[in-house]
PDB file of N, CA and C in Angstrom:
ATOM      1  N   MET A   1      27.072 -21.556 -22.876  1.00  0.00           N
ATOM      2  CA  MET A   1      25.700 -21.180 -23.518  1.00  0.00           C
ATOM      3  C   MET A   1      26.328 -20.400 -24.799  1.00  0.00           C
ATOM      4  N   ALA A   2      25.802 -20.848 -25.663  1.00  0.00           N
ATOM      5  CA  ALA A   2      25.913 -20.332 -27.190  1.00  0.00           C
ATOM      6  C   ALA A   2      24.777 -19.729 -27.804  1.00  0.00           C
ATOM      7  N   ILE A   3      24.852 -19.167 -28.816  1.00  0.00           N
ATOM      8  CA  ILE A   3      23.927 -18.768 -29.744  1.00  0.00           C
ATOM      9  C   ILE A   3      23.767 -19.611 -30.873  1.00  0.00           C
ATOM     10  N   LYS A   4      22.535 -20.087 -31.281  1.00  0.00           N
ATOM     11  CA  LYS A   4      22.325 -20.848 -32.562  1.00  0.00           C
ATOM     12  C   LYS A   4      21.380 -20.034 -33.521  1.00  0.00           C
ATOM     13  N   TYR A   5      21.739 -20.006 -34.784  1.00  0.00           N
ATOM     14  CA  TYR A   5      20.692 -19.503 -35.644  1.00  0.00           C
ATOM     15  C   TYR A   5      19.903 -20.184 -36.643  1.00  0.00           C
ATOM     16  N   VAL A   6      18.820 -19.802 -37.031  1.00  0.00           N
ATOM     17  CA  VAL A   6      17.870 -20.517 -38.069  1.00  0.00           C
ATOM     18  C   VAL A   6      17.269 -19.651 -39.030  1.00  0.00           C
ATOM     19  N   SER A   7      17.440 -20.159 -40.289  1.00  0.00           N
ATOM     20  CA  SER A   7      16.825 -19.323 -41.090  1.00  0.00           C
ATOM     21  C   SER A   7      16.413 -20.029 -42.418  1.00  0.00           C
ATOM     22  N   GLN A   8      15.139 -19.862 -43.149  1.00  0.00           N
ATOM     23  CA  GLN A   8      14.993 -20.222 -44.372  1.00  0.00           C
ATOM     24  C   GLN A   8      14.843 -19.288 -45.309  1.00  0.00           C
ATOM     25  N   THR A   9      15.104 -18.019 -45.152  1.00  0.00           N
ATOM     26  CA  THR A   9      15.538 -16.997 -46.009  1.00  0.00           C
ATOM     27  C   THR A   9      16.836 -16.424 -45.755  1.00  0.00           C
ATOM     28  N   ALA A  10      17.247 -15.556 -46.899  1.00  0.00           N
ATOM     29  CA  ALA A  10      18.495 -14.617 -47.163  1.00  0.00           C
ATOM     30  C   ALA A  10      17.887 -13.551 -46.773  1.00  0.00           C
ATOM     31  N   THR A  11      17.275 -13.201 -45.371  1.00  0.00           N
ATOM     32  CA  THR A  11      17.027 -11.681 -45.145  1.00  0.00           C
ATOM     33  C   THR A  11      17.495 -11.443 -43.622  1.00  0.00           C
ATOM     34  N   ASN A  12      17.630 -10.151 -43.476  1.00  0.00           N
ATOM     35  CA  ASN A  12      18.110  -9.752 -41.957  1.00  0.00           C
ATOM     36  C   ASN A  12      19.550 -10.358 -41.861  1.00  0.00           C
ATOM     37  N   GLY A  13      20.351 -10.337 -42.795  1.00  0.00           N
ATOM     38  CA  GLY A  13      21.944 -10.681 -42.594  1.00  0.00           C
ATOM     39  C   GLY A  13      22.024 -12.364 -42.582  1.00  0.00           C
ATOM     40  N   TYR A  14      21.077 -13.082 -42.750  1.00  0.00           N
ATOM     41  CA  TYR A  14      21.264 -14.416 -42.825  1.00  0.00           C
ATOM     42  C   TYR A  14      21.544 -15.077 -44.267  1.00  0.00           C
ATOM     43  N   SER A  15      22.068 -16.103 -43.930  1.00  0.00           N
ATOM     44  CA  SER A  15      22.138 -17.119 -45.321  1.00  0.00           C
ATOM     45  C   SER A  15      21.222 -18.000 -45.280  1.00  0.00           C
ATOM     46  N   VAL A  16      20.439 -18.388 -46.179  1.00  0.00           N
ATOM     47  CA  VAL A  16      19.679 -19.595 -46.431  1.00  0.00           C
ATOM     48  C   VAL A  16      20.177 -20.789 -45.463  1.00  0.00           C
ATOM     49  N   GLY A  17      19.530 -21.196 -44.420  1.00  0.00           N
ATOM     50  CA  GLY A  17      20.184 -22.208 -43.495  1.00  0.00           C
ATOM     51  C   GLY A  17      20.340 -23.801 -44.349  1.00  0.00           C
ATOM     52  N   ILE A  18      21.138 -24.443 -43.674  1.00  0.00           N
ATOM     53  CA  ILE A  18      21.451 -25.624 -44.195  1.00  0.00           C
ATOM     54  C   ILE A  18      21.609 -26.726 -42.847  1.00  0.00           C
ATOM     55  N   ASP A  19      20.943 -27.646 -42.506  1.00  0.00           N
ATOM     56  CA  ASP A  19      20.799 -28.214 -41.410  1.00  0.00           C
ATOM     57  C   ASP A  19      22.109 -28.985 -40.865  1.00  0.00           C
ATOM     58  N   SER A  20      22.991 -29.071 -41.947  1.00  0.00           N
ATOM     59  CA  SER A  20      24.256 -29.603 -41.676  1.00  0.00           C
ATOM     60  C   SER A  20      25.126 -28.663 -41.202  1.00  0.00           C
ATOM     61  N   ASN A  21      24.728 -27.307 -41.198  1.00  0.00           N
ATOM     62  CA  ASN A  21      25.579 -26.333 -40.327  1.00  0.00           C
ATOM     63  C   ASN A  21      25.704 -26.370 -39.179  1.00  0.00           C
ATOM     64  N   ASP A  22      26.603 -25.532 -38.327  1.00  0.00           N
ATOM     65  CA  ASP A  22      26.384 -25.819 -36.845  1.00  0.00           C
ATOM     66  C   ASP A  22      25.715 -24.680 -36.004  1.00  0.00           C
ATOM     67  N   GLY A  23      25.084 -23.706 -37.099  1.00  0.00           N
ATOM     68  CA  GLY A  23      24.076 -22.776 -36.516  1.00  0.00           C
ATOM     69  C   GLY A  23      24.831 -21.526 -35.584  1.00  0.00           C
ATOM     70  N   SER A  24      26.230 -21.675 -35.712  1.00  0.00           N
ATOM     71  CA  SER A  24      26.757 -20.744 -34.921  1.00  0.00           C
ATOM     72  C   SER A  24      26.870 -19.282 -35.615  1.00  0.00           C
ATOM     73  N   ALA A  25      26.450 -18.905 -36.502  1.00  0.00           N
ATOM     74  CA  ALA A  25      26.468 -17.547 -36.989  1.00  0.00           C
ATOM     75  C   ALA A  25      25.264 -17.475 -38.237  1.00  0.00           C
ATOM     76  N   LYS A  26      24.888 -16.087 -38.453  1.00  0.00           N
ATOM     77  CA  LYS A  26      24.097 -16.288 -39.527  1.00  0.00           C
ATOM     78  C   LYS A  26      24.250 -16.738 -40.602  1.00  0.00           C
ATOM     79  N   ALA A  27      25.263 -16.603 -41.186  1.00  0.00           N
ATOM     80  CA  ALA A  27      25.788 -17.352 -42.279  1.00  0.00           C
ATOM     81  C   ALA A  27      25.883 -18.720 -42.200  1.00  0.00           C
ATOM     82  N   LEU A  28      25.979 -19.349 -41.092  1.00  0.00           N
ATOM     83  CA  LEU A  28      25.807 -20.744 -40.851  1.00  0.00           C
ATOM     84  C   LEU A  28      24.808 -21.416 -40.285  1.00  0.00           C
ATOM     85  N   ALA A  29      23.393 -20.821 -40.426  1.00  0.00           N
ATOM     86  CA  ALA A  29      22.312 -20.978 -39.723  1.00  0.00           C
ATOM     87  C   ALA A  29      21.880 -22.375 -40.213  1.00  0.00           C
ATOM     88  N   LYS A  30      21.106 -22.951 -38.927  1.00  0.00           N
ATOM     89  CA  LYS A  30      20.391 -24.199 -39.465  1.00  0.00           C
ATOM     90  C   LYS A  30      19.347 -23.950 -40.426  1.00  0.00           C
ATOM     91  N   LEU A  31      18.719 -24.778 -41.260  1.00  0.00           N
ATOM     92  CA  LEU A  31      17.125 -24.374 -41.914  1.00  0.00           C
ATOM     93  C   LEU A  31      16.064 -24.662 -41.177  1.00  0.00           C
ATOM     94  N   THR A  32      16.272 -25.497 -40.221  1.00  0.00           N
ATOM     95  CA  THR A  32      14.849 -26.049 -39.556  1.00  0.00           C
ATOM     96  C   THR A  32      14.993 -25.757 -38.002  1.00  0.00           C
ATOM     97  N   LEU A  33      14.004 -25.286 -37.359  1.00  0.00           N
ATOM     98  CA  LEU A  33      14.057 -25.211 -35.899  1.00  0.00           C
ATOM     99  C   LEU A  33      14.280 -26.746 -35.259  1.00  0.00           C
ATOM    100  N   ASP A  34      13.906 -27.803 -35.666  1.00  0.00           N
ATOM    101  CA  ASP A  34      13.842 -28.956 -35.241  1.00  0.00           C
ATOM    102  C   ASP A  34      15.543 -29.241 -35.002  1.00  0.00           C
ATOM    103  N   SER A  35      16.155 -29.029 -36.167  1.00  0.00           N
ATOM    104  CA  SER A  35      17.620 -29.336 -36.290  1.00  0.00           C
ATOM    105  C   SER A  35      18.416 -28.276 -35.338  1.00  0.00           C
ATOM    106  N   ALA A  36      17.986 -27.299 -35.265  1.00  0.00           N
ATOM    107  CA  ALA A  36      18.530 -26.278 -34.291  1.00  0.00           C
ATOM    108  C   ALA A  36      18.288 -26.661 -32.680  1.00  0.00           C
ATOM    109  N   ILE A  37      17.057 -27.253 -32.487  1.00  0.00           N
ATOM    110  CA  ILE A  37      16.816 -27.824 -31.017  1.00  0.00           C
ATOM    111  C   ILE A  37      17.677 -28.992 -30.800  1.00  0.00           C
ATOM    112  N   THR A  38      17.584 -29.990 -31.810  1.00  0.00           N
ATOM    113  CA  THR A  38      18.722 -30.965 -31.563  1.00  0.00           C
ATOM    114  C   THR A  38      20.073 -30.715 -31.383  1.00  0.00           C
ATOM    115  N   GLY A  39      20.623 -29.767 -32.300  1.00  0.00           N
ATOM    116  CA  GLY A  39      22.023 -29.596 -32.229  1.00  0.00           C
ATOM    117  C   GLY A  39      22.504 -28.467 -31.126  1.00  0.00           C
ATOM    118  N   ALA A  40      21.461 -27.958 -30.160  1.00  0.00           N
ATOM    119  CA  ALA A  40      21.688 -26.840 -29.239  1.00  0.00           C
ATOM    120  C   ALA A  40      22.053 -27.907 -28.118  1.00  0.00           C
ATOM    121  N   SER A  41      22.977 -26.995 -27.439  1.00  0.00           N
ATOM    122  CA  SER A  41      23.261 -27.583 -26.100  1.00  0.00           C
ATOM    123  C   SER A  41      22.591 -26.918 -24.960  1.00  0.00           C
ATOM    124  N   ALA A  42      22.336 -27.371 -23.767  1.00  0.00           N
ATOM    125  CA  ALA A  42      21.566 -26.878 -22.440  1.00  0.00           C
ATOM    126  C   ALA A  42      22.155 -25.298 -22.501  1.00  0.00           C
ATOM    127  N   ASN A  43      21.000 -24.708 -22.285  1.00  0.00           N
ATOM    128  CA  ASN A  43      20.946 -23.285 -21.808  1.00  0.00           C
ATOM    129  C   ASN A  43      21.593 -22.413 -23.105  1.00  0.00           C
ATOM    130  N   ASP A  44      21.465 -22.988 -24.668  1.00  0.00           N
ATOM    131  CA  ASP A  44      21.672 -22.072 -25.713  1.00  0.00           C
ATOM    132  C   ASP A  44      20.545 -21.315 -25.929  1.00  0.00           C
ATOM    133  N   THR A  45      20.656 -20.251 -26.545  1.00  0.00           N
ATOM    134  CA  THR A  45      19.622 -19.454 -27.237  1.00  0.00           C
ATOM    135  C   THR A  45      19.813 -19.865 -28.607  1.00  0.00           C
ATOM    136  N   ILE A  46      18.081 -19.943 -29.204  1.00  0.00           N
ATOM    137  CA  ILE A  46      18.298 -19.994 -30.590  1.00  0.00           C
ATOM    138  C   ILE A  46      17.428 -18.891 -31.065  1.00  0.00           C
ATOM    139  N   ILE A  47      17.874 -18.371 -31.932  1.00  0.00           N
ATOM    140  CA  ILE A  47      17.647 -17.060 -32.842  1.00  0.00           C
ATOM    141  C   ILE A  47      16.947 -17.465 -33.993  1.00  0.00           C
ATOM    142  N   VAL A  48      15.484 -17.150 -34.335  1.00  0.00           N
ATOM    143  CA  VAL A  48      14.826 -17.935 -35.196  1.00  0.00           C
ATOM    144  C   VAL A  48      14.698 -16.479 -36.428  1.00  0.00           C
ATOM    145  N   ASN A  49      15.005 -16.583 -37.599  1.00  0.00           N
ATOM    146  CA  ASN A  49      15.034 -15.627 -38.587  1.00  0.00           C
ATOM    147  C   ASN A  49      13.285 -15.522 -39.127  1.00  0.00           C
ATOM    148  N   ASP A  50      12.805 -14.489 -39.550  1.00  0.00           N
ATOM    149  CA  ASP A  50      11.478 -14.485 -39.880  1.00  0.00           C
ATOM    150  C   ASP A  50      11.070 -15.445 -40.902  1.00  0.00           C
ATOM    151  N   GLY A  51       9.861 -16.176 -40.654  1.00  0.00           N
ATOM    152  CA  GLY A  51       8.997 -16.959 -41.422  1.00  0.00           C
ATOM    153  C   GLY A  51       8.241 -18.005 -40.673  1.00  0.00           C
ATOM    154  N   THR A  52       7.848 -18.911 -41.253  1.00  0.00           N
ATOM    155  CA  THR A  52       7.011 -19.878 -40.704  1.00  0.00           C
ATOM    156  C   THR A  52       7.952 -21.209 -40.834  1.00  0.00           C
ATOM    157  N   TYR A  53       7.931 -21.650 -39.525  1.00  0.00           N
ATOM    158  CA  TYR A  53       8.451 -22.987 -39.136  1.00  0.00           C
ATOM    159  C   TYR A  53       7.777 -23.998 -38.658  1.00  0.00           C
ATOM    160  N   THR A  54       7.647 -25.136 -39.392  1.00  0.00           N
ATOM    161  CA  THR A  54       6.868 -26.353 -39.229  1.00  0.00           C
ATOM    162  C   THR A  54       7.363 -27.644 -38.585  1.00  0.00           C
ATOM    163  N   SER A  55       6.564 -28.426 -37.772  1.00  0.00           N
ATOM    164  CA  SER A  55       7.085 -29.581 -37.334  1.00  0.00           C
ATOM    165  C   SER A  55       5.884 -30.897 -37.835  1.00  0.00           C
ATOM    166  N   THR A  56       6.157 -31.857 -38.219  1.00  0.00           N
ATOM    167  CA  THR A  56       5.104 -32.685 -38.508  1.00  0.00           C
ATOM    168  C   THR A  56       4.433 -33.522 -37.357  1.00  0.00           C
ATOM    169  N   THR A  57       5.340 -33.383 -36.324  1.00  0.00           N
ATOM    170  CA  THR A  57       4.518 -33.965 -34.926  1.00  0.00           C
ATOM    171  C   THR A  57       5.017 -32.865 -33.932  1.00  0.00           C
ATOM    172  N   TYR A  58       5.611 -32.722 -33.389  1.00  0.00           N
ATOM    173  CA  TYR A  58       5.931 -31.360 -32.319  1.00  0.00           C
ATOM    174  C   TYR A  58       7.434 -31.068 -32.065  1.00  0.00           C
ATOM    175  N   PHE A  59       7.788 -30.050 -31.626  1.00  0.00           N
ATOM    176  CA  PHE A  59       9.147 -29.721 -31.243  1.00  0.00           C
ATOM    177  C   PHE A  59       9.443 -30.338 -29.903  1.00  0.00           C
ATOM    178  N   ASN A  60      10.309 -30.913 -29.987  1.00  0.00           N
ATOM    179  CA  ASN A  60      10.864 -31.934 -28.736  1.00  0.00           C
ATOM    180  C   ASN A  60      11.911 -31.264 -28.039  1.00  0.00           C
ATOM    181  N   ILE A  61      11.394 -30.720 -26.813  1.00  0.00           N
ATOM    182  CA  ILE A  61      12.741 -29.979 -26.164  1.00  0.00           C
ATOM    183  C   ILE A  61      12.993 -30.815 -24.672  1.00  0.00           C
ATOM    184  N   THR A  62      14.149 -31.351 -24.596  1.00  0.00           N
ATOM    185  CA  THR A  62      14.639 -31.972 -23.498  1.00  0.00           C
ATOM    186  C   THR A  62      15.698 -31.286 -22.819  1.00  0.00           C
ATOM    187  N   LYS A  63      15.955 -29.998 -23.058  1.00  0.00           N
ATOM    188  CA  LYS A  63      17.065 -29.348 -22.535  1.00  0.00           C
ATOM    189  C   LYS A  63      16.689 -27.773 -22.124  1.00  0.00           C
ATOM    190  N   ASN A  64      17.043 -27.266 -21.201  1.00  0.00           N
ATOM    191  CA  ASN A  64      16.726 -25.905 -21.026  1.00  0.00           C
ATOM    192  C   ASN A  64      17.376 -24.813 -22.195  1.00  0.00           C
ATOM    193  N   LEU A  65      16.406 -24.359 -22.766  1.00  0.00           N
ATOM    194  CA  LEU A  65      16.526 -23.343 -24.048  1.00  0.00           C
ATOM    195  C   LEU A  65      15.954 -22.075 -23.947  1.00  0.00           C
ATOM    196  N   THR A  66      16.421 -21.069 -24.856  1.00  0.00           N
ATOM    197  CA  THR A  66      15.550 -19.846 -25.046  1.00  0.00           C
ATOM    198  C   THR A  66      15.575 -19.901 -26.392  1.00  0.00           C
ATOM    199  N   ILE A  67      14.192 -19.617 -27.245  1.00  0.00           N
ATOM    200  CA  ILE A  67      13.896 -19.467 -28.324  1.00  0.00           C
ATOM    201  C   ILE A  67      13.569 -18.290 -28.660  1.00  0.00           C
ATOM    202  N   ASN A  68      14.248 -17.264 -29.158  1.00  0.00           N
ATOM    203  CA  ASN A  68      13.770 -15.932 -29.611  1.00  0.00           C
ATOM    204  C   ASN A  68      13.471 -15.537 -31.230  1.00  0.00           C
ATOM    205  N   PRO A  69      12.711 -14.751 -31.641  1.00  0.00           N
ATOM    206  CA  PRO A  69      12.548 -14.508 -32.947  1.00  0.00           C
ATOM    207  C   PRO A  69      13.751 -13.253 -33.498  1.00  0.00           C
ATOM    208  N   GLU A  70      13.965 -13.212 -34.511  1.00  0.00           N
ATOM    209  CA  GLU A  70      15.045 -12.078 -35.097  1.00  0.00           C
ATOM    210  C   GLU A  70      14.294 -10.787 -34.885  1.00  0.00           C
ATOM    211  N   ASN A  71      13.075 -11.017 -35.340  1.00  0.00           N
ATOM    212  CA  ASN A  71      12.234  -9.722 -35.156  1.00  0.00           C
ATOM    213  C   ASN A  71      10.873  -9.897 -34.337  1.00  0.00           C
ATOM    214  N   PRO A  72      10.398  -9.408 -33.379  1.00  0.00           N
ATOM    215  CA  PRO A  72       9.166  -9.683 -32.707  1.00  0.00           C
ATOM    216  C   PRO A  72       8.038  -9.934 -33.506  1.00  0.00           C
ATOM    217  N   GLU A  73       7.377 -11.120 -33.341  1.00  0.00           N
ATOM    218  CA  GLU A  73       6.208 -11.355 -33.985  1.00  0.00           C
ATOM    219  C   GLU A  73       6.237 -11.659 -35.557  1.00  0.00           C
ATOM    220  N   ALA A  74       7.490 -11.902 -35.805  1.00  0.00           N
ATOM    221  CA  ALA A  74       7.585 -12.222 -37.378  1.00  0.00           C
ATOM    222  C   ALA A  74       7.971 -13.719 -37.554  1.00  0.00           C
ATOM    223  N   VAL A  75       8.050 -14.570 -36.463  1.00  0.00           N
ATOM    224  CA  VAL A  75       8.263 -15.784 -36.687  1.00  0.00           C
ATOM    225  C   VAL A  75       6.933 -16.674 -36.161  1.00  0.00           C
ATOM    226  N   VAL A  76       6.623 -17.601 -37.100  1.00  0.00           N
ATOM    227  CA  VAL A  76       5.234 -18.370 -36.831  1.00  0.00           C
ATOM    228  C   VAL A  76       5.828 -19.784 -36.885  1.00  0.00           C
ATOM    229  N   LEU A  77       5.240 -20.275 -35.785  1.00  0.00           N
ATOM    230  CA  LEU A  77       5.526 -21.879 -35.435  1.00  0.00           C
ATOM    231  C   LEU A  77       4.232 -22.631 -35.719  1.00  0.00           C
ATOM    232  N   LYS A  78       4.208 -23.777 -36.525  1.00  0.00           N
ATOM    233  CA  LYS A  78       3.113 -24.419 -36.517  1.00  0.00           C
ATOM    234  C   LYS A  78       3.362 -25.862 -36.819  1.00  0.00           C
ATOM    235  N   ARG A  79       2.176 -26.842 -36.897  1.00  0.00           N
ATOM    236  CA  ARG A  79       2.498 -28.103 -37.113  1.00  0.00           C
ATOM    237  C   ARG A  79       1.836 -28.268 -38.593  1.00  0.00           C
ATOM    238  N   THR A  80       2.342 -29.267 -39.458  1.00  0.00           N
ATOM    239  CA  THR A  80       1.836 -29.677 -40.851  1.00  0.00           C
ATOM    240  C   THR A  80       0.845 -30.480 -40.589  1.00  0.00           C
ATOM    241  N   GLY A  81      -0.064 -30.688 -41.489  1.00  0.00           N
ATOM    242  CA  GLY A  81      -0.850 -31.966 -41.566  1.00  0.00           C
ATOM    243  C   GLY A  81      -2.365 -31.350 -40.970  1.00  0.00           C
ATOM    244  N   ALA A  82      -2.974 -32.624 -40.723  1.00  0.00           N
ATOM    245  CA  ALA A  82      -4.722 -32.088 -40.367  1.00  0.00           C
ATOM    246  C   ALA A  82      -4.730 -32.018 -38.681  1.00  0.00           C
ATOM    247  N   GLN A  83      -3.822 -31.925 -38.011  1.00  0.00           N
ATOM    248  CA  GLN A  83      -3.629 -31.632 -36.519  1.00  0.00           C
ATOM    249  C   GLN A  83      -4.187 -30.438 -36.178  1.00  0.00           C
ATOM    250  N   THR A  84      -5.216 -30.136 -35.022  1.00  0.00           N
ATOM    251  CA  THR A  84      -5.717 -28.993 -34.705  1.00  0.00           C
ATOM    252  C   THR A  84      -5.125 -28.113 -33.864  1.00  0.00           C
ATOM    253  N   GLU A  85      -3.980 -28.446 -33.413  1.00  0.00           N
ATOM    254  CA  GLU A  85      -3.249 -27.625 -32.855  1.00  0.00           C
ATOM    255  C   GLU A  85      -2.323 -26.886 -33.534  1.00  0.00           C
ATOM    256  N   VAL A  86      -2.101 -25.292 -33.326  1.00  0.00           N
ATOM    257  CA  VAL A  86      -1.376 -24.467 -34.042  1.00  0.00           C
ATOM    258  C   VAL A  86      -0.041 -25.026 -33.934  1.00  0.00           C
ATOM    259  N   ILE A  87       0.636 -25.211 -32.596  1.00  0.00           N
ATOM    260  CA  ILE A  87       1.895 -25.809 -32.192  1.00  0.00           C
ATOM    261  C   ILE A  87       1.870 -26.474 -30.979  1.00  0.00           C
ATOM    262  N   TYR A  88       2.582 -27.520 -31.138  1.00  0.00           N
ATOM    263  CA  TYR A  88       2.952 -28.442 -30.102  1.00  0.00           C
ATOM    264  C   TYR A  88       4.160 -28.822 -29.514  1.00  0.00           C
ATOM    265  N   MET A  89       4.563 -28.270 -28.310  1.00  0.00           N
ATOM    266  CA  MET A  89       6.071 -28.542 -28.016  1.00  0.00           C
ATOM    267  C   MET A  89       5.730 -29.332 -26.828  1.00  0.00           C
ATOM    268  N   ARG A  90       6.666 -30.428 -26.803  1.00  0.00           N
ATOM    269  CA  ARG A  90       6.726 -31.168 -25.777  1.00  0.00           C
ATOM    270  C   ARG A  90       8.033 -30.962 -24.924  1.00  0.00           C
ATOM    271  N   VAL A  91       7.905 -30.542 -23.692  1.00  0.00           N
ATOM    272  CA  VAL A  91       9.107 -29.943 -23.032  1.00  0.00           C
ATOM    273  C   VAL A  91       9.289 -30.976 -21.777  1.00  0.00           C
ATOM    274  N   SER A  92      10.387 -31.796 -21.687  1.00  0.00           N
ATOM    275  CA  SER A  92      10.736 -32.670 -20.647  1.00  0.00           C
ATOM    276  C   SER A  92      11.652 -32.690 -19.642  1.00  0.00           C
ATOM    277  N   GLY A  93      10.910 -32.386 -18.421  1.00  0.00           N
ATOM    278  CA  GLY A  93      12.184 -32.045 -17.589  1.00  0.00           C
ATOM    279  C   GLY A  93      13.000 -30.884 -17.593  1.00  0.00           C
ATOM    280  N   CYS A  94      12.706 -29.758 -18.447  1.00  0.00           N
ATOM    281  CA  CYS A  94      13.629 -28.918 -18.473  1.00  0.00           C
ATOM    282  C   CYS A  94      12.758 -27.324 -18.594  1.00  0.00           C
ATOM    283  N   ALA A  95      13.421 -26.374 -18.685  1.00  0.00           N
ATOM    284  CA  ALA A  95      12.832 -25.136 -19.004  1.00  0.00           C
ATOM    285  C   ALA A  95      13.190 -24.527 -20.451  1.00  0.00           C
ATOM    286  N   LEU A  96      11.798 -23.786 -20.818  1.00  0.00           N
ATOM    287  CA  LEU A  96      11.783 -23.371 -22.209  1.00  0.00           C
ATOM    288  C   LEU A  96      11.524 -22.068 -21.709  1.00  0.00           C
ATOM    289  N   THR A  97      12.252 -20.942 -22.481  1.00  0.00           N
ATOM    290  CA  THR A  97      11.801 -19.611 -22.363  1.00  0.00           C
ATOM    291  C   THR A  97      11.403 -19.216 -24.114  1.00  0.00           C
ATOM    292  N   LEU A  98      10.480 -18.610 -24.060  1.00  0.00           N
ATOM    293  CA  LEU A  98      10.030 -18.130 -25.551  1.00  0.00           C
ATOM    294  C   LEU A  98       9.989 -16.561 -25.777  1.00  0.00           C
ATOM    295  N   GLY A  99      10.335 -16.068 -27.014  1.00  0.00           N
ATOM    296  CA  GLY A  99      10.268 -14.763 -27.010  1.00  0.00           C
ATOM    297  C   GLY A  99       8.981 -14.642 -27.770  1.00  0.00           C
ATOM    298  N   PRO A 100       8.711 -13.322 -28.548  1.00  0.00           N
ATOM    299  CA  PRO A 100       7.457 -12.904 -28.933  1.00  0.00           C
ATOM    300  C   PRO A 100       7.234 -13.681 -30.251  1.00  0.00           C
ATOM    301  N   LEU A 101       6.938 -14.928 -30.295  1.00  0.00           N
ATOM    302  CA  LEU A 101       6.738 -15.810 -31.307  1.00  0.00           C
ATOM    303  C   LEU A 101       5.128 -15.714 -31.876  1.00  0.00           C
ATOM    304  N   ILE A 102       4.544 -16.036 -32.904  1.00  0.00           N
ATOM    305  CA  ILE A 102       3.321 -16.229 -33.245  1.00  0.00           C
ATOM    306  C   ILE A 102       2.991 -17.922 -33.392  1.00  0.00           C
TER     307      ILE A 102
END
């Protein structure tokens, strides 16, 4: 079980993420939640820095993960485009634990 970090801004001790980073530290954060989910292993925890994170379709989760915000209620997950859902996660055959996200 490892911790992976995601950040779009240089706040809270994070560097602005780059999806080619491994996400293993705040200075090596991923830029997008999609990349962090894809790069995480089963039972990892993903810590998401403050901000709004979007997906054009859905966040596809196929392994046991925990996703927590760096700061409670300071992370917004949403879809882009004309879809009516604020967020859509497809969780397939696994467990997902979410912290206090918006």
